[in-house]
Amino acid sequence: QVQLVESGGGLVQPGASLTLSCTASGFTFSNYRITWYRQAPGKERELVAAITSGGRNTNYADSVKGRFTISRDNAKSTVYLQMTSLKVEDTAVYYCNTQILYRNYWGQGTQVTVSS
C-alpha cells in the first residue's frame, strides 16, 4: 500500500526557516519523481517543487525559487523541502505527491503558518 507521510510543519515568523519531510512506503521510492504541492485557504493546490527519481533534476515554482530547496535521500525513502526566508504568503497545507502508473498518491499534508 502506497503511503506518503509529511511532517515538519508549524507556526513560524516571517523570515524564519522550516524543513518539511515526506517519508514514503509501499513502493520502490528510488524509481519515482516526488512533488511538493501546497494549498492555501480559498486557493487551488499549486506545485511548489519537484525532484526526479535520482535527485539529479529539480524544478520550482517561481514564487519559491531561491528560497526553497528540494532534496531526497533514497536510502531513507524521504524527500525534504527546506524553506528559508518564509513569507506570510507561504502559509498553506503542504502535500507530497507521487504518480505511479498514472495514479496520483497524496499524503495527508502538514500545515505551515507564517505569521508575526
Protein backbone atom coordinates (compact mmCIF):
# COMPACT_ATOMS: atom_id res chain seq x y z
CA GLN A 1 0.00 0.00 0.00
CA VAL A 2 1.47 3.31 -1.10
CA GLN A 3 1.83 5.79 1.74
CA LEU A 4 3.27 9.27 1.93
CA VAL A 5 3.60 10.92 5.32
CA GLU A 6 4.51 14.59 5.65
CA SER A 7 5.93 16.14 8.79
CA GLY A 8 7.75 19.23 9.97
CA GLY A 9 5.12 21.90 9.62
CA GLY A 10 4.46 24.53 12.24
CA LEU A 11 3.96 28.16 13.12
CA VAL A 12 6.89 30.45 12.37
CA GLN A 13 7.56 34.15 11.99
CA PRO A 14 8.30 35.80 8.65
CA GLY A 15 11.92 35.33 7.68
CA ALA A 16 12.25 32.04 9.53
CA SER A 17 13.22 28.67 8.12
CA LEU A 18 11.50 25.31 8.26
CA THR A 19 12.22 21.89 6.78
CA LEU A 20 9.44 19.55 5.77
CA SER A 21 9.86 15.80 5.32
CA CYS A 22 7.89 13.34 3.25
CA THR A 23 8.52 9.70 4.10
CA ALA A 24 7.26 7.07 1.70
CA SER A 25 6.47 3.37 1.88
CA GLY A 26 4.77 0.71 -0.16
CA PHE A 27 6.61 1.28 -3.42
CA THR A 28 10.14 1.46 -4.81
CA PHE A 29 10.81 5.03 -3.79
CA SER A 30 14.01 5.48 -5.77
CA ASN A 31 12.15 4.90 -9.04
CA TYR A 32 9.74 7.82 -8.77
CA ARG A 33 9.62 11.56 -9.03
CA ILE A 34 8.25 13.29 -5.94
CA THR A 35 6.49 16.63 -5.94
CA TRP A 36 5.60 19.04 -3.16
CA TYR A 37 2.34 20.95 -3.55
CA ARG A 38 0.64 23.44 -1.29
CA GLN A 39 -2.86 24.73 -0.85
CA ALA A 40 -3.70 27.97 0.88
CA PRO A 41 -7.21 28.70 2.18
CA GLY A 42 -9.53 29.57 -0.67
CA LYS A 43 -6.92 28.84 -3.32
CA GLU A 44 -6.17 25.98 -5.66
CA ARG A 45 -3.45 23.49 -4.93
CA GLU A 46 -0.20 24.57 -6.59
CA LEU A 47 3.10 22.92 -7.38
CA VAL A 48 5.93 24.09 -5.16
CA ALA A 49 8.89 21.89 -6.10
CA ALA A 50 9.67 18.56 -7.72
CA ILE A 51 12.61 16.20 -7.82
CA THR A 52 13.36 13.35 -10.19
CA SER A 53 13.84 9.79 -9.04
CA GLY A 54 17.62 10.00 -8.75
CA GLY A 55 17.59 13.52 -7.41
CA ARG A 56 19.56 14.95 -10.29
CA ASN A 57 16.90 17.33 -11.57
CA THR A 58 14.65 19.68 -9.68
CA ASN A 59 12.19 22.40 -10.54
CA TYR A 60 10.49 25.09 -8.52
CA ALA A 61 7.57 27.48 -8.65
CA ASP A 62 8.76 31.00 -9.40
CA SER A 63 7.39 32.15 -6.06
CA VAL A 64 9.81 29.95 -4.11
CA LYS A 65 12.92 29.93 -6.31
CA GLY A 66 15.99 30.87 -4.35
CA ARG A 67 14.23 30.31 -1.01
CA PHE A 68 13.18 26.65 -1.08
CA THR A 69 15.32 23.59 -1.78
CA ILE A 70 14.02 20.12 -2.50
CA SER A 71 16.22 17.10 -1.89
CA ARG A 72 15.85 13.37 -1.32
CA ASP A 73 17.51 10.52 0.49
CA ASN A 74 16.56 7.35 -1.34
CA ALA A 75 18.10 5.18 1.37
CA LYS A 76 15.58 6.66 3.80
CA SER A 77 12.71 6.90 1.30
CA THR A 78 12.38 10.54 2.25
CA VAL A 79 12.11 13.81 0.40
CA TYR A 80 12.84 17.10 2.11
CA LEU A 81 11.72 20.65 1.46
CA GLN A 82 14.00 23.21 3.05
CA MET A 83 12.21 26.52 3.27
CA THR A 84 14.03 29.72 4.12
CA SER A 85 13.04 33.39 4.23
CA LEU A 86 9.47 32.34 4.77
CA LYS A 87 6.75 34.83 3.91
CA VAL A 88 3.18 35.18 5.11
CA GLU A 89 2.07 34.10 1.65
CA ASP A 90 3.80 30.74 2.12
CA THR A 91 1.10 29.84 4.62
CA ALA A 92 -0.62 26.69 3.38
CA VAL A 93 -1.04 22.99 3.84
CA TYR A 94 1.90 21.29 2.15
CA TYR A 95 1.42 17.91 0.49
CA CYS A 96 3.79 15.49 -1.16
CA ASN A 97 2.74 13.58 -4.22
CA THR A 98 3.88 10.82 -6.48
CA GLN A 99 2.36 9.32 -9.57
CA ILE A 100 2.54 5.57 -10.14
CA LEU A 101 1.01 4.04 -13.26
CA TYR A 102 -0.92 7.27 -13.91
CA ARG A 103 -2.48 7.25 -10.44
CA ASN A 104 -1.78 10.09 -8.04
CA TYR A 105 -0.93 9.41 -4.42
CA TRP A 106 -1.03 12.10 -1.76
CA GLY A 107 -0.01 12.43 1.83
CA GLN A 108 -2.29 13.88 4.49
CA GLY A 109 -0.49 17.22 4.43
CA THR A 110 1.32 19.31 7.00
CA GLN A 111 0.29 22.84 7.96
CA VAL A 112 2.77 25.68 7.60
CA THR A 113 1.71 29.01 9.08
CA VAL A 114 3.87 32.09 8.71
CA SER A 115 2.69 34.89 10.93
CA SER A 116 4.06 37.62 13.13
